[in-house]
């Protein structure tokens, strides 16, 4: 059938089918969002496992071969063993003449409760008009991260099958349920399968991030790594009354505040000696990529809800988001944080911070620099308290080649699908998507690239204001449906590479 139709006529037929079945695709996203597949909270692990079974059934209905691989269990801090959800490995169609694309996605989500500040029930997909009447948003936890994009890919495959069109590529897929909790067990599985499952894979596609803009599509070619740290200060084995002991002891919280305050200055500069020594130099080719990028500082401020950034130009902001390290302080465990006043001196407090690293920073070197710095600051305080510094989690940065044929195919697919927001007169017809990096960490991109040695692309379909991990997470109806079209066009473009 495919050979009898011109490429444009074929795309038109595919796009018309997708438009005609919007309500079906949204109904299914509603069913997926309704599953509270929160991988962070132990009591919801059964829901994650149920979500994995739902995804496996959906793929099997496409005619795919689906394997649910057991990863065993992991131990919680309280000693309890908790089962890990299985990982889905599967494939659809095997034609030796076609290239093989492996799609990665996850169906677990971040925690969400209505009382956190959601306007709607986070587990009830709710469609609401946007600021512009042409835009309707689909609100719900997982709508953009990552259930919506996973389903958009599945919907694109389903469209070919429904129209009885020959699949232009072979598909393999890896879907997990622990991404939001660190992808426990995934790396070991990928290593075990590197010479088997991935042996005939040509390209790996990940759609687990967002555009830089609310309206212009983007392709992502890099992400920062992340080194997470705990700094623990302890004075004894029990909390003390500040009226009885305040003023006569070295308080752990006072030590900890001083330690945390030593990490970064008011301009955002990390004060740990040597931390910038290995940062990759900015090349002229890379600098040019920043010039044409669609980035509205005011829009970005509105998305964040803050009034002022540390930097005032587009280039400075993007450089410090993508290719320079940053340090963020996240919280203090053990300190009183409930409403009201409690005049207690905590016996032990743990400060939590992370450093987003960039090429060519080394994780072990970063850890050593952090430990030496904090021990140096602590020693000058002459405190008798115990100090412990640990790095419980470390993920490396990832960088791809923007000149890889895979990126060229994706750029053509986006042009074809016109994956752009707002009214027709605001569309950037015929313009390339932005080539961007992601300031956050996507460990799977680096993991897949390192283990499989295949070309990896990040092809997001969510807009910058989708609020992944935040209250009122959403994906617009437009992006969900047009994203499905882009995936379909992308499959056709990939087939042209061979």
Protein backbone atom coordinates (compact mmCIF):
# COMPACT_ATOMS: atom_id res chain seq x y z
CA UNK A 1 0.00 0.00 0.00
CA UNK A 2 2.78 2.37 1.00
CA UNK A 3 4.58 2.18 -2.34
CA UNK A 4 1.41 3.11 -4.25
CA UNK A 5 1.03 6.41 -2.45
CA UNK A 6 3.28 9.43 -2.67
CA UNK A 7 4.93 10.45 0.59
CA UNK A 8 2.78 13.57 1.01
CA UNK A 9 -0.46 11.73 0.26
CA UNK A 10 0.53 9.04 2.75
CA UNK A 11 1.25 11.62 5.45
CA UNK A 12 -2.05 13.34 4.74
CA UNK A 13 -3.94 10.05 5.15
CA UNK A 14 -2.11 9.32 8.42
CA UNK A 15 -2.70 12.81 9.81
CA UNK A 16 -6.41 12.71 8.92
CA UNK A 17 -6.80 9.43 10.81
CA UNK A 18 -5.05 10.89 13.87
CA UNK A 19 -7.27 13.99 13.80
CA UNK A 20 -10.40 11.85 13.48
CA UNK A 21 -9.44 9.72 16.49
CA UNK A 22 -8.44 12.48 18.91
CA UNK A 23 -11.15 11.62 21.41
CA UNK A 24 -10.06 7.96 21.50
CA UNK A 25 -6.45 8.93 22.15
CA UNK A 26 -7.46 11.34 24.93
CA UNK A 27 -9.76 8.75 26.51
CA UNK A 28 -6.87 6.33 26.75
CA UNK A 29 -4.59 8.96 28.29
CA UNK A 30 -7.33 9.56 30.85
CA UNK A 31 -7.31 5.84 31.74
CA UNK A 32 -3.51 5.86 32.15
CA UNK A 33 -3.44 9.06 34.23
CA UNK A 34 -6.07 7.53 36.56
CA UNK A 35 -3.53 4.94 37.71
CA UNK A 36 -1.62 6.39 40.67
CA UNK A 37 1.68 4.88 39.53
CA UNK A 38 3.86 6.84 41.97
CA UNK A 39 7.18 4.98 42.19
CA UNK A 40 8.54 7.18 45.00
CA UNK A 41 6.07 6.20 47.73
CA UNK A 42 6.33 2.53 48.80
CA UNK A 43 2.62 2.10 49.55
CA UNK A 44 1.80 2.80 45.88
CA UNK A 45 4.17 0.22 44.39
CA UNK A 46 1.22 -2.07 43.57
CA UNK A 47 -0.23 0.71 41.41
CA UNK A 48 3.06 0.99 39.50
CA UNK A 49 3.01 -2.75 38.85
CA UNK A 50 -0.63 -2.47 37.71
CA UNK A 51 0.39 0.34 35.34
CA UNK A 52 3.13 -1.83 33.84
CA UNK A 53 0.58 -4.58 33.16
CA UNK A 54 -1.76 -2.03 31.53
CA UNK A 55 1.04 -0.79 29.24
CA UNK A 56 2.05 -4.36 28.37
CA UNK A 57 -1.55 -5.23 27.43
CA UNK A 58 -1.78 -2.10 25.26
CA UNK A 59 1.36 -3.05 23.34
CA UNK A 60 0.28 -6.67 22.99
CA UNK A 61 -2.99 -5.42 21.45
CA UNK A 62 -0.86 -3.86 18.68
CA UNK A 63 0.46 -7.31 17.89
CA UNK A 64 3.78 -6.77 19.65
CA UNK A 65 5.81 -9.44 21.36
CA UNK A 66 5.93 -8.31 24.98
CA UNK A 67 8.20 -9.56 27.75
CA UNK A 68 7.80 -8.42 31.37
CA UNK A 69 11.20 -8.92 32.96
CA UNK A 70 11.35 -9.34 36.73
CA UNK A 71 14.00 -7.16 38.42
CA UNK A 72 13.58 -8.61 41.91
CA UNK A 73 13.28 -6.26 44.89
CA UNK A 74 15.08 -3.44 46.67
CA UNK A 75 15.51 -2.62 50.33
CA UNK A 76 13.97 0.47 51.89
CA UNK A 77 15.80 2.47 54.60
CA UNK A 78 13.63 0.76 57.25
CA UNK A 79 14.86 -2.65 56.07
CA UNK A 80 11.65 -3.62 54.28
CA UNK A 81 12.03 -5.43 50.93
CA UNK A 82 9.85 -3.97 48.19
CA UNK A 83 9.31 -5.59 44.78
CA UNK A 84 10.59 -3.64 41.78
CA UNK A 85 8.10 -3.29 38.93
CA UNK A 86 9.03 -5.35 35.87
CA UNK A 87 10.58 -3.73 32.79
CA UNK A 88 8.82 -4.20 29.46
CA UNK A 89 11.02 -5.33 26.58
CA UNK A 90 9.25 -5.98 23.34
CA UNK A 91 9.25 -5.74 19.58
CA UNK A 92 6.86 -5.20 16.71
CA UNK A 93 7.52 -6.45 13.17
CA UNK A 94 10.81 -7.86 11.97
CA UNK A 95 11.79 -7.01 8.42
CA UNK A 96 15.49 -7.32 7.64
CA UNK A 97 15.20 -4.53 5.08
CA UNK A 98 13.86 -1.97 7.58
CA UNK A 99 15.81 -0.02 10.19
CA UNK A 100 15.02 -0.82 13.81
CA UNK A 101 14.01 1.96 16.20
CA UNK A 102 13.95 1.36 19.94
CA UNK A 103 11.62 3.63 21.90
CA UNK A 104 12.21 4.22 25.63
CA UNK A 105 9.58 5.58 28.00
CA UNK A 106 8.38 5.30 31.59
CA UNK A 107 4.90 5.07 33.05
CA UNK A 108 5.63 5.87 36.69
CA UNK A 109 5.02 9.39 38.01
CA UNK A 110 6.08 11.84 40.70
CA UNK A 111 3.94 12.12 43.87
CA UNK A 112 0.86 14.35 43.61
CA UNK A 113 -1.99 15.32 45.93
CA UNK A 114 -4.86 17.76 45.38
CA UNK A 115 -3.90 19.60 48.59
CA UNK A 116 -0.42 20.31 47.19
CA UNK A 117 -1.99 23.13 45.19
CA UNK A 118 -3.56 21.36 42.22
CA UNK A 119 -6.59 23.05 40.66
CA UNK A 120 -7.94 19.64 39.65
CA UNK A 121 -7.66 16.05 40.86
CA UNK A 122 -4.14 15.08 39.68
CA UNK A 123 -5.31 11.56 38.79
CA UNK A 124 -8.35 12.66 36.80
CA UNK A 125 -7.31 13.95 33.37
CA UNK A 126 -9.17 17.25 33.03
CA UNK A 127 -9.44 19.28 29.83
CA UNK A 128 -9.55 23.05 30.36
CA UNK A 129 -9.36 26.00 27.93
CA UNK A 130 -5.99 27.71 27.92
CA UNK A 131 -5.27 31.45 27.84
CA UNK A 132 -5.86 31.31 24.10
CA UNK A 133 -9.19 29.73 23.16
CA UNK A 134 -7.52 27.64 20.43
CA UNK A 135 -5.47 25.82 23.07
CA UNK A 136 -7.00 23.24 25.35
CA UNK A 137 -4.86 21.75 28.09
CA UNK A 138 -5.06 18.23 29.51
CA UNK A 139 -4.21 18.41 33.23
CA UNK A 140 -3.08 15.37 35.20
CA UNK A 141 -0.03 13.76 36.78
CA UNK A 142 1.94 12.02 34.05
CA UNK A 143 0.18 13.84 31.21
CA UNK A 144 3.51 15.14 29.89
CA UNK A 145 5.94 13.12 32.05
CA UNK A 146 5.78 10.55 30.54
CA UNK A 147 2.45 8.83 29.88
CA UNK A 148 1.33 11.29 27.19
CA UNK A 149 4.46 10.92 25.02
CA UNK A 150 4.49 7.11 25.46
CA UNK A 151 0.88 6.93 24.30
CA UNK A 152 1.53 9.37 21.42
CA UNK A 153 4.17 6.94 20.14
CA UNK A 154 1.79 3.99 20.56
CA UNK A 155 -1.02 5.95 18.84
CA UNK A 156 1.28 6.62 15.87
CA UNK A 157 2.03 2.90 15.51
CA UNK A 158 -1.66 2.08 15.85
CA UNK A 159 -2.47 4.52 13.04
CA UNK A 160 -0.29 2.61 10.56
CA UNK A 161 -1.92 -0.65 11.57
CA UNK A 162 -5.47 0.74 11.47
CA UNK A 163 -4.88 2.05 7.94
CA UNK A 164 -3.30 -1.31 6.96
CA UNK A 165 -0.09 0.47 6.00
CA UNK A 166 3.18 -1.45 6.02
CA UNK A 167 5.28 -0.36 8.99
CA UNK A 168 8.23 1.68 7.67
CA UNK A 169 10.49 0.61 10.55
CA UNK A 170 10.91 -2.26 12.97
CA UNK A 171 10.09 -1.35 16.57
CA UNK A 172 11.60 -2.36 19.83
CA UNK A 173 10.63 -0.78 23.11
CA UNK A 174 11.84 -0.48 26.68
CA UNK A 175 9.26 0.77 29.17
CA UNK A 176 10.01 1.01 32.87
CA UNK A 177 8.21 1.93 36.07
CA UNK A 178 10.99 3.29 38.29
CA UNK A 179 12.36 6.30 36.38
CA UNK A 180 11.17 8.83 38.96
CA UNK A 181 12.93 6.81 41.68
CA UNK A 182 16.26 6.47 39.86
CA UNK A 183 15.56 3.68 37.33
CA UNK A 184 16.55 1.00 39.83
CA UNK A 185 17.71 -2.17 38.08
CA UNK A 186 17.51 -0.75 34.56
CA UNK A 187 21.24 -0.27 33.94
CA UNK A 188 22.04 -3.88 34.86
CA UNK A 189 19.26 -5.10 32.55
CA UNK A 190 20.53 -3.00 29.63
CA UNK A 191 24.05 -4.33 30.13
CA UNK A 192 22.77 -7.90 30.12
CA UNK A 193 20.80 -7.26 26.91
CA UNK A 194 23.39 -5.13 25.07
CA UNK A 195 24.52 -8.01 22.82
CA UNK A 196 21.07 -9.59 22.49
CA UNK A 197 18.01 -7.36 22.53
CA UNK A 198 19.93 -4.30 21.26
CA UNK A 199 22.14 -6.10 18.74
CA UNK A 200 19.94 -5.18 15.74
CA UNK A 201 18.78 -1.77 17.01
CA UNK A 202 19.83 1.17 14.82
CA UNK A 203 18.40 4.14 16.74
CA UNK A 204 17.12 4.88 20.24
CA UNK A 205 14.40 7.48 20.77
CA UNK A 206 13.56 9.07 24.13
CA UNK A 207 10.68 11.53 24.60
CA UNK A 208 11.01 12.34 28.29
CA UNK A 209 11.68 16.08 28.35
CA UNK A 210 10.20 19.39 27.18
CA UNK A 211 10.72 22.11 24.59
CA UNK A 212 12.50 25.27 25.67
CA UNK A 213 9.59 27.39 24.44
CA UNK A 214 5.81 27.27 24.82
CA UNK A 215 5.32 27.39 21.06
CA UNK A 216 8.40 26.27 19.11
CA UNK A 217 9.47 22.61 18.90
CA UNK A 218 12.93 21.48 19.91
CA UNK A 219 15.29 18.53 19.66
CA UNK A 220 17.52 17.84 22.63
CA UNK A 221 21.15 16.81 22.14
CA UNK A 222 22.51 17.02 25.67
CA UNK A 223 21.63 17.04 29.36
CA UNK A 224 23.47 17.81 32.57
CA UNK A 225 24.39 15.12 35.03
CA UNK A 226 23.56 15.27 38.72
CA UNK A 227 25.52 14.47 41.86
CA UNK A 228 23.31 14.37 44.96
CA UNK A 229 24.86 14.91 48.39
CA UNK A 230 23.91 14.44 52.04
CA UNK A 231 25.82 16.41 54.67
CA UNK A 232 24.99 15.14 58.15
CA UNK A 233 25.85 16.83 61.45
CA UNK A 234 25.16 15.01 64.74
CA UNK A 235 25.73 16.01 68.37
CA UNK A 236 24.07 13.19 70.28
CA UNK A 237 21.38 10.55 70.29
CA UNK A 238 18.37 12.67 71.30
CA UNK A 239 16.79 16.06 70.66
CA UNK A 240 17.30 18.69 73.36
CA UNK A 241 15.25 21.54 74.88
CA UNK A 242 16.57 24.95 73.83
CA UNK A 243 15.74 26.41 77.25
CA UNK A 244 17.85 23.81 79.05
CA UNK A 245 20.72 23.48 76.55
CA UNK A 246 20.53 26.53 74.26
CA UNK A 247 23.69 28.61 74.62
CA UNK A 248 25.93 25.90 76.08
CA UNK A 249 26.30 23.39 73.20
CA UNK A 250 27.45 23.38 69.58
CA UNK A 251 24.13 23.01 67.81
CA UNK A 252 24.11 20.74 64.73
CA UNK A 253 21.72 23.03 62.85
CA UNK A 254 24.06 26.00 63.28
CA UNK A 255 26.96 23.98 61.91
CA UNK A 256 24.84 22.73 59.02
CA UNK A 257 23.62 26.20 58.04
CA UNK A 258 27.22 27.40 57.90
CA UNK A 259 28.21 24.42 55.74
CA UNK A 260 25.33 24.92 53.31
CA UNK A 261 25.99 28.66 53.16
CA UNK A 262 29.57 27.98 52.07
CA UNK A 263 28.55 26.12 48.91
CA UNK A 264 27.30 28.82 46.55
CA UNK A 265 27.45 32.64 46.51
CA UNK A 266 24.56 35.07 45.80
CA UNK A 267 25.47 35.20 42.09
CA UNK A 268 25.05 31.43 41.72
CA UNK A 269 28.82 30.78 41.55
CA UNK A 270 29.80 27.49 43.20
CA UNK A 271 32.43 28.16 45.87
CA UNK A 272 33.94 24.66 45.97
CA UNK A 273 37.60 24.91 44.85
CA UNK A 274 38.35 23.19 41.53
CA UNK A 275 34.73 22.54 40.58
CA UNK A 276 35.00 24.47 37.28
CA UNK A 277 38.43 23.12 36.27
CA UNK A 278 37.15 20.35 33.99
CA UNK A 279 34.17 22.13 32.38
CA UNK A 280 34.36 21.74 28.59
CA UNK A 281 35.40 24.86 26.70
CA UNK A 282 32.72 26.61 24.62
CA UNK A 283 33.39 26.06 20.91
CA UNK A 284 32.46 28.48 18.16
CA UNK A 285 30.16 25.88 16.54
CA UNK A 286 28.30 25.45 19.82
CA UNK A 287 28.07 29.20 20.40
CA UNK A 288 26.33 29.62 17.02
CA UNK A 289 23.61 27.14 18.04
CA UNK A 290 22.49 29.59 20.74
CA UNK A 291 21.90 32.51 18.36
CA UNK A 292 18.78 31.22 16.57
CA UNK A 293 17.14 29.60 19.60
CA UNK A 294 13.62 30.78 20.35
CA UNK A 295 13.74 31.74 24.01
CA UNK A 296 11.60 34.37 25.70
CA UNK A 297 13.05 35.46 29.04
CA UNK A 298 9.75 36.91 30.22
CA UNK A 299 7.87 33.75 29.24
CA UNK A 300 10.42 31.67 31.15
CA UNK A 301 9.96 33.91 34.20
CA UNK A 302 6.20 33.50 33.96
CA UNK A 303 6.58 29.71 33.74
CA UNK A 304 8.71 29.73 36.88
CA UNK A 305 6.77 32.33 38.86
CA UNK A 306 9.94 34.25 39.81
CA UNK A 307 10.52 37.98 39.23
CA UNK A 308 14.24 38.04 38.42
CA UNK A 309 16.91 35.69 37.09
CA UNK A 310 20.61 35.76 37.92
CA UNK A 311 21.41 36.73 34.31
CA UNK A 312 19.83 39.19 31.92
CA UNK A 313 20.47 37.86 28.40
CA UNK A 314 19.23 34.81 26.51
CA UNK A 315 22.75 33.53 25.90
CA UNK A 316 23.85 33.86 29.54
CA UNK A 317 20.70 32.15 30.79
CA UNK A 318 21.04 29.21 28.39
CA UNK A 319 24.76 28.79 29.00
CA UNK A 320 24.16 28.57 32.75
CA UNK A 321 21.20 26.22 32.29
CA UNK A 322 22.89 23.80 29.93
CA UNK A 323 26.66 23.83 29.83
CA UNK A 324 27.84 25.20 33.17
CA UNK A 325 27.41 23.38 36.50
CA UNK A 326 24.95 24.60 39.13
CA UNK A 327 24.44 23.84 42.81
CA UNK A 328 21.01 23.74 44.46
CA UNK A 329 20.14 23.23 48.13
CA UNK A 330 17.01 21.10 48.48
CA UNK A 331 16.20 20.71 52.16
CA UNK A 332 17.10 19.71 55.69
CA UNK A 333 16.01 16.39 57.16
CA UNK A 334 15.60 16.17 60.94
CA UNK A 335 14.68 19.83 61.44
CA UNK A 336 11.25 20.85 62.71
CA UNK A 337 9.19 21.97 59.71
CA UNK A 338 5.54 21.81 60.79
CA UNK A 339 3.39 24.93 61.32
CA UNK A 340 3.85 26.69 64.66
CA UNK A 341 6.85 26.81 66.99
CA UNK A 342 8.74 23.95 68.56
CA UNK A 343 11.72 25.06 70.65
CA UNK A 344 13.81 21.98 70.05
CA UNK A 345 17.50 21.51 69.24
CA UNK A 346 17.59 18.57 66.80
CA UNK A 347 20.26 15.99 67.64
CA UNK A 348 20.99 15.21 64.00
CA UNK A 349 20.26 17.14 60.81
CA UNK A 350 20.98 16.22 57.20
CA UNK A 351 21.38 18.88 54.55
CA UNK A 352 20.57 17.81 50.99
CA UNK A 353 22.00 19.45 47.89
CA UNK A 354 22.96 18.53 44.36
CA UNK A 355 25.40 19.64 41.68
CA UNK A 356 24.32 19.48 38.05
CA UNK A 357 27.49 18.61 36.17
CA UNK A 358 28.43 19.05 32.55
CA UNK A 359 31.03 17.56 30.17
CA UNK A 360 33.88 16.86 31.08
CA UNK A 361 33.38 16.86 34.84
CA UNK A 362 34.21 13.59 36.61
CA UNK A 363 31.82 12.27 39.28
CA UNK A 364 34.54 10.91 41.56
CA UNK A 365 36.50 14.17 41.32
CA UNK A 366 33.36 16.19 42.12
CA UNK A 367 32.71 14.03 45.18
CA UNK A 368 36.28 14.48 46.42
CA UNK A 369 36.12 18.26 45.91
CA UNK A 370 32.84 18.50 47.85
CA UNK A 371 34.06 16.35 50.75
CA UNK A 372 37.35 18.24 51.07
CA UNK A 373 35.60 21.61 50.95
CA UNK A 374 32.98 20.74 53.60
CA UNK A 375 35.53 19.13 55.90
CA UNK A 376 37.70 22.24 55.59
CA UNK A 377 34.82 24.59 56.47
CA UNK A 378 33.75 22.34 59.35
CA UNK A 379 37.25 22.09 60.84
CA UNK A 380 37.47 25.90 61.12
CA UNK A 381 34.35 25.89 63.32
CA UNK A 382 36.09 23.77 65.99
CA UNK A 383 32.84 21.90 66.54
CA UNK A 384 32.85 18.61 68.50
CA UNK A 385 29.89 17.36 66.44
CA UNK A 386 30.20 14.50 63.96
CA UNK A 387 30.28 15.32 60.25
CA UNK A 388 29.42 12.82 57.50
CA UNK A 389 29.33 13.66 53.79
CA UNK A 390 27.97 11.16 51.28
CA UNK A 391 26.94 11.07 47.61
CA UNK A 392 23.99 8.62 47.43
CA UNK A 393 23.27 9.28 43.75
CA UNK A 394 25.39 10.29 40.80
CA UNK A 395 24.38 10.52 37.14
CA UNK A 396 26.69 11.59 34.33
CA UNK A 397 25.92 14.24 31.68
CA UNK A 398 24.99 13.23 28.14
CA UNK A 399 25.88 14.78 24.78
CA UNK A 400 24.95 13.69 21.23
CA UNK A 401 26.09 14.79 17.76
CA UNK A 402 23.58 17.22 16.22
CA UNK A 403 24.88 16.29 12.75
CA UNK A 404 23.87 12.65 13.17
CA UNK A 405 21.40 11.53 10.41
CA UNK A 406 18.93 10.70 13.19
CA UNK A 407 18.67 14.39 14.11
CA UNK A 408 18.25 15.37 10.45
CA UNK A 409 15.37 12.89 10.12
CA UNK A 410 13.69 14.29 13.24
CA UNK A 411 14.04 17.86 11.96
CA UNK A 412 12.31 16.89 8.70
CA UNK A 413 9.56 15.09 10.64
CA UNK A 414 8.84 18.15 12.76
CA UNK A 415 8.65 20.36 9.68
CA UNK A 416 6.20 17.87 8.14
CA UNK A 417 4.06 17.65 11.24
CA UNK A 418 4.08 21.41 11.83
CA UNK A 419 4.34 20.75 15.56
CA UNK A 420 3.88 24.40 16.53
CA UNK A 421 1.50 26.14 18.87
CA UNK A 422 -0.89 29.09 18.75
CA UNK A 423 -2.75 30.49 15.78
CA UNK A 424 -1.83 29.85 12.16
CA UNK A 425 -0.39 33.32 11.62
CA UNK A 426 2.07 32.76 14.48
CA UNK A 427 3.43 29.47 13.14
CA UNK A 428 7.07 29.24 12.09
CA UNK A 429 6.30 27.50 8.79
CA UNK A 430 9.24 25.64 7.33
CA UNK A 431 11.57 26.59 10.14
CA UNK A 432 13.86 24.10 11.83
CA UNK A 433 13.20 23.13 15.47
CA UNK A 434 15.59 24.54 18.04
CA UNK A 435 18.56 22.34 18.93
CA UNK A 436 18.76 22.53 22.68
CA UNK A 437 20.26 20.91 25.74
CA UNK A 438 18.34 20.08 28.89
CA UNK A 439 19.44 21.61 32.17
CA UNK A 440 18.01 18.67 34.08
CA UNK A 441 19.34 15.12 34.15
CA UNK A 442 18.11 12.32 31.93
CA UNK A 443 20.30 9.41 33.06
CA UNK A 444 18.72 7.01 30.58
CA UNK A 445 20.07 8.95 27.58
CA UNK A 446 23.64 8.56 28.78
CA UNK A 447 22.93 5.00 29.93
CA UNK A 448 21.56 3.88 26.55
CA UNK A 449 24.30 5.61 24.58
CA UNK A 450 27.12 4.19 26.72
CA UNK A 451 25.81 0.63 26.98
CA UNK A 452 24.38 0.09 23.48
CA UNK A 453 26.76 2.34 21.50
CA UNK A 454 23.76 3.32 19.33
CA UNK A 455 22.59 6.77 18.16
CA UNK A 456 20.30 8.32 20.78
CA UNK A 457 17.89 11.21 20.22
CA UNK A 458 15.62 13.07 22.62
CA UNK A 459 12.45 14.07 20.77
CA UNK A 460 10.16 15.99 23.17
CA UNK A 461 6.55 16.84 22.41
CA UNK A 462 5.75 18.76 25.61
CA UNK A 463 5.89 22.57 25.90
CA UNK A 464 8.03 24.52 28.37
CA UNK A 465 5.04 25.38 30.57
CA UNK A 466 3.80 21.78 31.02
CA UNK A 467 4.96 21.71 34.65
CA UNK A 468 6.48 18.23 34.85
CA UNK A 469 7.05 17.29 38.54
CA UNK A 470 5.00 20.35 39.54
CA UNK A 471 1.43 21.12 40.52
CA UNK A 472 -1.02 21.30 37.60
CA UNK A 473 1.10 19.23 35.22
CA UNK A 474 -0.45 19.22 31.76
CA UNK A 475 0.05 18.57 28.08
CA UNK A 476 -1.97 20.55 25.56
CA UNK A 477 -4.40 18.65 23.37
CA UNK A 478 -2.54 20.20 20.42
CA UNK A 479 0.86 18.85 21.46
CA UNK A 480 -0.50 15.41 22.29
CA UNK A 481 -2.24 15.02 18.92
CA UNK A 482 0.37 16.83 16.80
CA UNK A 483 3.06 14.91 18.66
CA UNK A 484 1.42 11.69 17.48
CA UNK A 485 1.66 13.00 13.91
CA UNK A 486 5.32 13.90 14.35
CA UNK A 487 6.12 10.38 15.57
CA UNK A 488 4.36 8.93 12.51
CA UNK A 489 6.27 11.30 10.18
CA UNK A 490 9.48 10.45 12.03
CA UNK A 491 9.02 6.73 11.34
CA UNK A 492 8.73 7.54 7.60
CA UNK A 493 11.82 9.77 7.72
CA UNK A 494 13.84 7.10 9.53
CA UNK A 495 12.97 4.59 6.80
CA UNK A 496 14.38 7.01 4.20
CA UNK A 497 17.79 6.90 5.94
CA UNK A 498 18.10 3.26 4.79
